[in-house]
PDB file of N, CA and C in Angstrom:
ATOM      1  N   MET A   1      41.911 -20.682  25.236  1.00  0.00           N
ATOM      2  CA  MET A   1      40.992 -20.019  25.272  1.00  0.00           C
ATOM      3  C   MET A   1      39.555 -20.168  24.588  1.00  0.00           C
ATOM      4  N   SER A   2      38.637 -19.549  25.373  1.00  0.00           N
ATOM      5  CA  SER A   2      37.270 -19.718  25.098  1.00  0.00           C
ATOM      6  C   SER A   2      36.816 -19.167  24.222  1.00  0.00           C
ATOM      7  N   ALA A   3      36.173 -19.881  23.381  1.00  0.00           N
ATOM      8  CA  ALA A   3      35.472 -18.676  21.785  1.00  0.00           C
ATOM      9  C   ALA A   3      34.153 -18.042  22.452  1.00  0.00           C
ATOM     10  N   GLU A   4      34.283 -16.608  22.126  1.00  0.00           N
ATOM     11  CA  GLU A   4      33.207 -15.897  22.184  1.00  0.00           C
ATOM     12  C   GLU A   4      31.803 -15.722  21.295  1.00  0.00           C
ATOM     13  N   PRO A   5      30.672 -16.131  21.362  1.00  0.00           N
ATOM     14  CA  PRO A   5      29.956 -16.053  20.962  1.00  0.00           C
ATOM     15  C   PRO A   5      29.939 -14.700  19.896  1.00  0.00           C
ATOM     16  N   PRO A   6      29.290 -15.004  18.501  1.00  0.00           N
ATOM     17  CA  PRO A   6      29.429 -13.852  17.775  1.00  0.00           C
ATOM     18  C   PRO A   6      28.241 -12.501  18.317  1.00  0.00           C
ATOM     19  N   ARG A   7      28.569 -11.551  18.252  1.00  0.00           N
ATOM     20  CA  ARG A   7      27.812 -10.643  18.822  1.00  0.00           C
ATOM     21  C   ARG A   7      27.170 -10.033  17.436  1.00  0.00           C
ATOM     22  N   THR A   8      25.560  -9.914  17.891  1.00  0.00           N
ATOM     23  CA  THR A   8      24.709  -9.731  16.663  1.00  0.00           C
ATOM     24  C   THR A   8      24.630  -7.862  17.126  1.00  0.00           C
ATOM     25  N   ALA A   9      24.486  -6.992  16.256  1.00  0.00           N
ATOM     26  CA  ALA A   9      24.525  -5.876  15.819  1.00  0.00           C
ATOM     27  C   ALA A   9      23.403  -5.289  16.363  1.00  0.00           C
ATOM     28  N   THR A  10      22.790  -4.305  17.811  1.00  0.00           N
ATOM     29  CA  THR A  10      22.086  -3.764  18.221  1.00  0.00           C
ATOM     30  C   THR A  10      21.459  -2.719  17.010  1.00  0.00           C
ATOM     31  N   PRO A  11      20.269  -2.950  16.738  1.00  0.00           N
ATOM     32  CA  PRO A  11      19.981  -1.421  15.484  1.00  0.00           C
ATOM     33  C   PRO A  11      19.739  -0.669  16.261  1.00  0.00           C
ATOM     34  N   VAL A  12      20.384   0.677  15.633  1.00  0.00           N
ATOM     35  CA  VAL A  12      19.989   1.906  15.827  1.00  0.00           C
ATOM     36  C   VAL A  12      18.939   2.758  15.811  1.00  0.00           C
ATOM     37  N   VAL A  13      18.182   3.022  16.951  1.00  0.00           N
ATOM     38  CA  VAL A  13      16.890   3.631  16.695  1.00  0.00           C
ATOM     39  C   VAL A  13      16.872   5.351  16.758  1.00  0.00           C
ATOM     40  N   ASP A  14      16.236   5.640  15.764  1.00  0.00           N
ATOM     41  CA  ASP A  14      16.390   7.305  16.050  1.00  0.00           C
ATOM     42  C   ASP A  14      15.038   7.712  16.527  1.00  0.00           C
ATOM     43  N   PRO A  15      15.223   8.291  17.868  1.00  0.00           N
ATOM     44  CA  PRO A  15      13.879   8.629  18.339  1.00  0.00           C
ATOM     45  C   PRO A  15      13.117   9.608  17.763  1.00  0.00           C
ATOM     46  N   LEU A  16      13.063   9.881  16.821  1.00  0.00           N
ATOM     47  CA  LEU A  16      12.333  11.168  15.881  1.00  0.00           C
ATOM     48  C   LEU A  16      11.451  10.163  14.975  1.00  0.00           C
ATOM     49  N   ASP A  17      12.060   8.823  14.498  1.00  0.00           N
ATOM     50  CA  ASP A  17      11.109   7.783  14.418  1.00  0.00           C
ATOM     51  C   ASP A  17       9.991   7.138  15.319  1.00  0.00           C
ATOM     52  N   ALA A  18       9.921   7.909  16.246  1.00  0.00           N
ATOM     53  CA  ALA A  18       8.980   7.123  17.144  1.00  0.00           C
ATOM     54  C   ALA A  18       7.571   7.436  16.441  1.00  0.00           C
ATOM     55  N   PRO A  19       6.478   6.525  16.263  1.00  0.00           N
ATOM     56  CA  PRO A  19       5.210   7.051  16.218  1.00  0.00           C
ATOM     57  C   PRO A  19       4.429   8.193  17.233  1.00  0.00           C
ATOM     58  N   VAL A  20       3.694   8.917  16.707  1.00  0.00           N
ATOM     59  CA  VAL A  20       3.140   9.979  17.650  1.00  0.00           C
ATOM     60  C   VAL A  20       1.507   9.949  17.087  1.00  0.00           C
ATOM     61  N   THR A  21       0.489   9.936  17.885  1.00  0.00           N
ATOM     62  CA  THR A  21      -0.835   9.985  17.451  1.00  0.00           C
ATOM     63  C   THR A  21      -1.279  11.483  17.315  1.00  0.00           C
ATOM     64  N   LEU A  22      -1.531  11.937  16.543  1.00  0.00           N
ATOM     65  CA  LEU A  22      -1.880  13.424  16.333  1.00  0.00           C
ATOM     66  C   LEU A  22      -3.618  13.301  16.665  1.00  0.00           C
ATOM     67  N   THR A  23      -4.209  14.161  16.876  1.00  0.00           N
ATOM     68  CA  THR A  23      -5.816  14.551  17.113  1.00  0.00           C
ATOM     69  C   THR A  23      -5.979  15.823  16.724  1.00  0.00           C
ATOM     70  N   VAL A  24      -6.652  15.781  15.672  1.00  0.00           N
ATOM     71  CA  VAL A  24      -7.827  17.246  14.904  1.00  0.00           C
ATOM     72  C   VAL A  24      -8.938  17.004  15.530  1.00  0.00           C
ATOM     73  N   GLU A  25      -9.067  18.298  16.092  1.00  0.00           N
ATOM     74  CA  GLU A  25     -10.465  18.632  16.616  1.00  0.00           C
ATOM     75  C   GLU A  25     -11.158  19.890  16.079  1.00  0.00           C
ATOM     76  N   LEU A  26     -12.276  18.815  15.692  1.00  0.00           N
ATOM     77  CA  LEU A  26     -13.131  20.009  14.407  1.00  0.00           C
ATOM     78  C   LEU A  26     -13.928  20.731  15.305  1.00  0.00           C
ATOM     79  N   GLY A  27     -14.298  20.598  16.759  1.00  0.00           N
ATOM     80  CA  GLY A  27     -15.180  21.258  17.600  1.00  0.00           C
ATOM     81  C   GLY A  27     -15.811  20.429  18.602  1.00  0.00           C
ATOM     82  N   ARG A  28     -16.443  21.059  19.332  1.00  0.00           N
ATOM     83  CA  ARG A  28     -17.086  20.505  21.040  1.00  0.00           C
ATOM     84  C   ARG A  28     -18.188  20.870  20.804  1.00  0.00           C
ATOM     85  N   LEU A  29     -19.193  19.721  21.492  1.00  0.00           N
ATOM     86  CA  LEU A  29     -20.657  20.326  21.791  1.00  0.00           C
ATOM     87  C   LEU A  29     -20.864  19.823  22.954  1.00  0.00           C
ATOM     88  N   THR A  30     -22.014  20.172  23.774  1.00  0.00           N
ATOM     89  CA  THR A  30     -22.528  19.797  24.833  1.00  0.00           C
ATOM     90  C   THR A  30     -24.204  19.528  24.378  1.00  0.00           C
ATOM     91  N   VAL A  31     -24.544  18.013  24.588  1.00  0.00           N
ATOM     92  CA  VAL A  31     -25.734  18.054  24.531  1.00  0.00           C
ATOM     93  C   VAL A  31     -26.664  17.511  25.845  1.00  0.00           C
ATOM     94  N   PRO A  32     -27.874  17.552  26.124  1.00  0.00           N
ATOM     95  CA  PRO A  32     -28.475  16.311  27.153  1.00  0.00           C
ATOM     96  C   PRO A  32     -28.086  15.161  26.998  1.00  0.00           C
ATOM     97  N   LEU A  33     -28.052  14.376  28.243  1.00  0.00           N
ATOM     98  CA  LEU A  33     -27.807  12.895  28.177  1.00  0.00           C
ATOM     99  C   LEU A  33     -29.048  12.438  27.197  1.00  0.00           C
ATOM    100  N   SER A  34     -30.524  13.212  27.236  1.00  0.00           N
ATOM    101  CA  SER A  34     -31.091  12.322  26.631  1.00  0.00           C
ATOM    102  C   SER A  34     -31.074  12.535  25.444  1.00  0.00           C
ATOM    103  N   ARG A  35     -30.619  13.840  24.892  1.00  0.00           N
ATOM    104  CA  ARG A  35     -30.467  13.976  23.295  1.00  0.00           C
ATOM    105  C   ARG A  35     -29.373  12.754  22.547  1.00  0.00           C
ATOM    106  N   LEU A  36     -28.552  12.575  23.417  1.00  0.00           N
ATOM    107  CA  LEU A  36     -27.801  11.723  23.248  1.00  0.00           C
ATOM    108  C   LEU A  36     -28.267  10.303  23.082  1.00  0.00           C
ATOM    109  N   ALA A  37     -29.237  10.245  23.951  1.00  0.00           N
ATOM    110  CA  ALA A  37     -29.644   8.604  23.979  1.00  0.00           C
ATOM    111  C   ALA A  37     -30.790   8.272  22.432  1.00  0.00           C
ATOM    112  N   ASP A  38     -31.303   9.500  22.015  1.00  0.00           N
ATOM    113  CA  ASP A  38     -32.157   9.691  21.109  1.00  0.00           C
ATOM    114  C   ASP A  38     -31.494   9.804  20.027  1.00  0.00           C
ATOM    115  N   LEU A  39     -30.129   9.643  19.799  1.00  0.00           N
ATOM    116  CA  LEU A  39     -29.292  10.007  18.779  1.00  0.00           C
ATOM    117  C   LEU A  39     -29.288   8.709  17.714  1.00  0.00           C
ATOM    118  N   LYS A  40     -30.180   9.127  16.253  1.00  0.00           N
ATOM    119  CA  LYS A  40     -29.742   8.059  15.236  1.00  0.00           C
ATOM    120  C   LYS A  40     -28.889   8.459  14.244  1.00  0.00           C
ATOM    121  N   PRO A  41     -28.469   6.882  13.371  1.00  0.00           N
ATOM    122  CA  PRO A  41     -27.741   7.031  11.990  1.00  0.00           C
ATOM    123  C   PRO A  41     -28.470   8.065  11.334  1.00  0.00           C
ATOM    124  N   GLY A  42     -27.605   9.128  10.800  1.00  0.00           N
ATOM    125  CA  GLY A  42     -28.073  10.083   9.967  1.00  0.00           C
ATOM    126  C   GLY A  42     -28.345  11.552  10.294  1.00  0.00           C
ATOM    127  N   GLU A  43     -28.402  11.425  11.330  1.00  0.00           N
ATOM    128  CA  GLU A  43     -28.684  12.850  12.160  1.00  0.00           C
ATOM    129  C   GLU A  43     -27.594  13.781  12.030  1.00  0.00           C
ATOM    130  N   VAL A  44     -27.812  15.021  12.057  1.00  0.00           N
ATOM    131  CA  VAL A  44     -26.625  16.078  12.220  1.00  0.00           C
ATOM    132  C   VAL A  44     -26.505  16.926  13.382  1.00  0.00           C
ATOM    133  N   LEU A  45     -25.283  16.595  14.260  1.00  0.00           N
ATOM    134  CA  LEU A  45     -24.815  17.513  15.015  1.00  0.00           C
ATOM    135  C   LEU A  45     -24.387  18.789  15.069  1.00  0.00           C
ATOM    136  N   GLU A  46     -25.110  19.678  14.881  1.00  0.00           N
ATOM    137  CA  GLU A  46     -24.122  21.388  14.591  1.00  0.00           C
ATOM    138  C   GLU A  46     -23.498  21.716  15.347  1.00  0.00           C
ATOM    139  N   VAL A  47     -22.359  21.910  15.083  1.00  0.00           N
ATOM    140  CA  VAL A  47     -21.265  22.243  15.935  1.00  0.00           C
ATOM    141  C   VAL A  47     -21.050  23.810  15.620  1.00  0.00           C
ATOM    142  N   ASN A  48     -20.980  24.283  16.847  1.00  0.00           N
ATOM    143  CA  ASN A  48     -20.476  26.284  16.765  1.00  0.00           C
ATOM    144  C   ASN A  48     -19.408  26.303  16.126  1.00  0.00           C
ATOM    145  N   ARG A  49     -19.357  26.325  15.124  1.00  0.00           N
ATOM    146  CA  ARG A  49     -17.645  26.688  14.190  1.00  0.00           C
ATOM    147  C   ARG A  49     -18.057  26.429  12.860  1.00  0.00           C
ATOM    148  N   HIS A  50     -17.088  27.717  12.497  1.00  0.00           N
ATOM    149  CA  HIS A  50     -17.136  27.956  10.592  1.00  0.00           C
ATOM    150  C   HIS A  50     -16.394  27.166  10.567  1.00  0.00           C
ATOM    151  N   SER A  51     -16.537  26.701   9.133  1.00  0.00           N
ATOM    152  CA  SER A  51     -15.155  25.841   8.386  1.00  0.00           C
ATOM    153  C   SER A  51     -14.224  26.174   7.923  1.00  0.00           C
ATOM    154  N   ARG A  52     -14.026  27.646   8.027  1.00  0.00           N
ATOM    155  CA  ARG A  52     -12.839  28.263   7.484  1.00  0.00           C
ATOM    156  C   ARG A  52     -11.774  28.730   8.835  1.00  0.00           C
ATOM    157  N   GLU A  53     -12.449  28.240  10.192  1.00  0.00           N
ATOM    158  CA  GLU A  53     -11.857  28.527  11.272  1.00  0.00           C
ATOM    159  C   GLU A  53     -10.943  27.560  11.373  1.00  0.00           C
ATOM    160  N   PRO A  54      -9.769  27.957  11.713  1.00  0.00           N
ATOM    161  CA  PRO A  54      -8.612  26.924  12.026  1.00  0.00           C
ATOM    162  C   PRO A  54      -8.602  25.872  13.200  1.00  0.00           C
ATOM    163  N   VAL A  55      -8.268  24.535  12.897  1.00  0.00           N
ATOM    164  CA  VAL A  55      -8.428  23.490  13.802  1.00  0.00           C
ATOM    165  C   VAL A  55      -7.390  23.301  14.633  1.00  0.00           C
ATOM    166  N   GLU A  56      -7.048  22.591  15.647  1.00  0.00           N
ATOM    167  CA  GLU A  56      -6.146  22.666  16.622  1.00  0.00           C
ATOM    168  C   GLU A  56      -5.943  20.953  16.434  1.00  0.00           C
ATOM    169  N   ILE A  57      -4.520  20.879  16.143  1.00  0.00           N
ATOM    170  CA  ILE A  57      -3.677  19.640  16.267  1.00  0.00           C
ATOM    171  C   ILE A  57      -3.037  19.287  17.419  1.00  0.00           C
ATOM    172  N   SER A  58      -3.397  18.262  18.147  1.00  0.00           N
ATOM    173  CA  SER A  58      -2.761  18.106  19.664  1.00  0.00           C
ATOM    174  C   SER A  58      -2.192  16.720  19.594  1.00  0.00           C
ATOM    175  N   SER A  59      -1.343  16.439  20.605  1.00  0.00           N
ATOM    176  CA  SER A  59      -0.589  15.061  20.817  1.00  0.00           C
ATOM    177  C   SER A  59      -0.528  14.659  22.466  1.00  0.00           C
ATOM    178  N   ASN A  60      -1.075  13.848  22.867  1.00  0.00           N
ATOM    179  CA  ASN A  60      -0.996  13.271  23.947  1.00  0.00           C
ATOM    180  C   ASN A  60      -2.082  14.656  24.850  1.00  0.00           C
ATOM    181  N   GLY A  61      -2.491  15.500  24.659  1.00  0.00           N
ATOM    182  CA  GLY A  61      -3.576  16.653  25.007  1.00  0.00           C
ATOM    183  C   GLY A  61      -2.979  17.859  25.074  1.00  0.00           C
ATOM    184  N   ARG A  62      -1.728  17.664  24.281  1.00  0.00           N
ATOM    185  CA  ARG A  62      -0.962  19.324  24.255  1.00  0.00           C
ATOM    186  C   ARG A  62      -0.823  19.614  22.694  1.00  0.00           C
ATOM    187  N   ILE A  63      -1.395  21.031  22.525  1.00  0.00           N
ATOM    188  CA  ILE A  63      -1.769  21.333  21.101  1.00  0.00           C
ATOM    189  C   ILE A  63      -0.425  21.601  20.720  1.00  0.00           C
ATOM    190  N   VAL A  64       0.164  20.780  19.394  1.00  0.00           N
ATOM    191  CA  VAL A  64       1.188  20.865  18.950  1.00  0.00           C
ATOM    192  C   VAL A  64       1.297  21.945  17.466  1.00  0.00           C
ATOM    193  N   ALA A  65       0.053  21.964  16.973  1.00  0.00           N
ATOM    194  CA  ALA A  65       0.341  22.679  15.620  1.00  0.00           C
ATOM    195  C   ALA A  65      -1.434  23.502  15.659  1.00  0.00           C
ATOM    196  N   ARG A  66      -1.492  23.983  14.638  1.00  0.00           N
ATOM    197  CA  ARG A  66      -2.781  24.863  14.206  1.00  0.00           C
ATOM    198  C   ARG A  66      -2.764  24.508  12.500  1.00  0.00           C
ATOM    199  N   GLY A  67      -4.012  24.596  11.864  1.00  0.00           N
ATOM    200  CA  GLY A  67      -4.243  24.361  10.390  1.00  0.00           C
ATOM    201  C   GLY A  67      -5.151  24.712  10.148  1.00  0.00           C
ATOM    202  N   ASP A  68      -5.410  24.510   8.671  1.00  0.00           N
ATOM    203  CA  ASP A  68      -6.805  25.024   7.712  1.00  0.00           C
ATOM    204  C   ASP A  68      -7.143  23.531   7.391  1.00  0.00           C
ATOM    205  N   LEU A  69      -8.568  23.173   7.642  1.00  0.00           N
ATOM    206  CA  LEU A  69      -8.881  21.848   6.624  1.00  0.00           C
ATOM    207  C   LEU A  69      -9.081  22.277   5.370  1.00  0.00           C
ATOM    208  N   VAL A  70      -8.861  21.286   4.476  1.00  0.00           N
ATOM    209  CA  VAL A  70      -8.715  21.585   3.080  1.00  0.00           C
ATOM    210  C   VAL A  70      -9.266  19.736   2.784  1.00  0.00           C
ATOM    211  N   LEU A  71     -10.348  19.961   1.684  1.00  0.00           N
ATOM    212  CA  LEU A  71     -10.477  18.989   0.862  1.00  0.00           C
ATOM    213  C   LEU A  71      -9.714  18.182  -0.007  1.00  0.00           C
ATOM    214  N   ILE A  72      -9.250  16.891  -0.398  1.00  0.00           N
ATOM    215  CA  ILE A  72      -8.195  16.435  -1.109  1.00  0.00           C
ATOM    216  C   ILE A  72      -9.195  14.972  -1.776  1.00  0.00           C
ATOM    217  N   GLY A  73      -9.795  15.571  -2.809  1.00  0.00           N
ATOM    218  CA  GLY A  73     -10.679  14.577  -3.515  1.00  0.00           C
ATOM    219  C   GLY A  73     -12.220  14.401  -2.684  1.00  0.00           C
ATOM    220  N   ASP A  74     -12.070  13.014  -2.252  1.00  0.00           N
ATOM    221  CA  ASP A  74     -13.388  13.093  -1.099  1.00  0.00           C
ATOM    222  C   ASP A  74     -12.930  12.752   0.000  1.00  0.00           C
ATOM    223  N   GLU A  75     -11.544  13.356   0.707  1.00  0.00           N
ATOM    224  CA  GLU A  75     -10.925  12.901   1.933  1.00  0.00           C
ATOM    225  C   GLU A  75     -10.799  14.285   2.386  1.00  0.00           C
ATOM    226  N   LEU A  76     -10.741  14.678   3.817  1.00  0.00           N
ATOM    227  CA  LEU A  76     -10.340  15.836   4.469  1.00  0.00           C
ATOM    228  C   LEU A  76      -9.336  15.647   4.703  1.00  0.00           C
ATOM    229  N   GLY A  77      -8.323  16.789   4.798  1.00  0.00           N
ATOM    230  CA  GLY A  77      -7.004  16.734   5.107  1.00  0.00           C
ATOM    231  C   GLY A  77      -7.001  18.180   6.108  1.00  0.00           C
ATOM    232  N   VAL A  78      -5.791  18.478   6.888  1.00  0.00           N
ATOM    233  CA  VAL A  78      -5.544  19.601   7.360  1.00  0.00           C
ATOM    234  C   VAL A  78      -4.240  20.405   6.949  1.00  0.00           C
ATOM    235  N   ARG A  79      -4.046  21.509   6.381  1.00  0.00           N
ATOM    236  CA  ARG A  79      -2.969  22.502   5.796  1.00  0.00           C
ATOM    237  C   ARG A  79      -2.295  22.863   7.095  1.00  0.00           C
ATOM    238  N   VAL A  80      -1.110  22.399   7.806  1.00  0.00           N
ATOM    239  CA  VAL A  80      -0.987  22.958   8.832  1.00  0.00           C
ATOM    240  C   VAL A  80       0.141  24.532   8.711  1.00  0.00           C
ATOM    241  N   THR A  81      -0.613  25.538   9.319  1.00  0.00           N
ATOM    242  CA  THR A  81      -0.163  26.928   9.249  1.00  0.00           C
ATOM    243  C   THR A  81       0.975  27.306  10.767  1.00  0.00           C
ATOM    244  N   SER A  82       0.547  26.600  11.677  1.00  0.00           N
ATOM    245  CA  SER A  82       1.356  26.856  12.558  1.00  0.00           C
ATOM    246  C   SER A  82       2.239  25.682  13.588  1.00  0.00           C
ATOM    247  N   VAL A  83       3.052  25.825  13.710  1.00  0.00           N
ATOM    248  CA  VAL A  83       3.518  24.748  14.749  1.00  0.00           C
ATOM    249  C   VAL A  83       3.898  25.275  16.080  1.00  0.00           C
ATOM    250  N   PHE A  84       3.927  24.556  16.984  1.00  0.00           N
ATOM    251  CA  PHE A  84       3.889  24.884  18.257  1.00  0.00           C
ATOM    252  C   PHE A  84       5.081  23.850  19.229  1.00  0.00           C
ATOM    253  N   LEU A  85       6.366  23.378  18.395  1.00  0.00           N
ATOM    254  CA  LEU A  85       6.817  22.335  19.100  1.00  0.00           C
ATOM    255  C   LEU A  85       8.090  23.363  19.987  1.00  0.00           C
TER     256      LEU A  85
END
């Protein structure tokens, strides 16, 4: 009889534990390349969006949720209002 080596248990991985990168888009703007080249630290780029408008939350280019910006102390957060999964 040959002795079998002890088997090590394969850990069970829940697919729902996989990390997902989320992107929150605050706005988009188009500027000429010359404006971009002249950009200096401290300058403000105005985004054509009201601060109370919902933001889109996407993953891998697909919108997965929408939410409202909230201030948490000195940090910015998003309160999820709709989920599109």
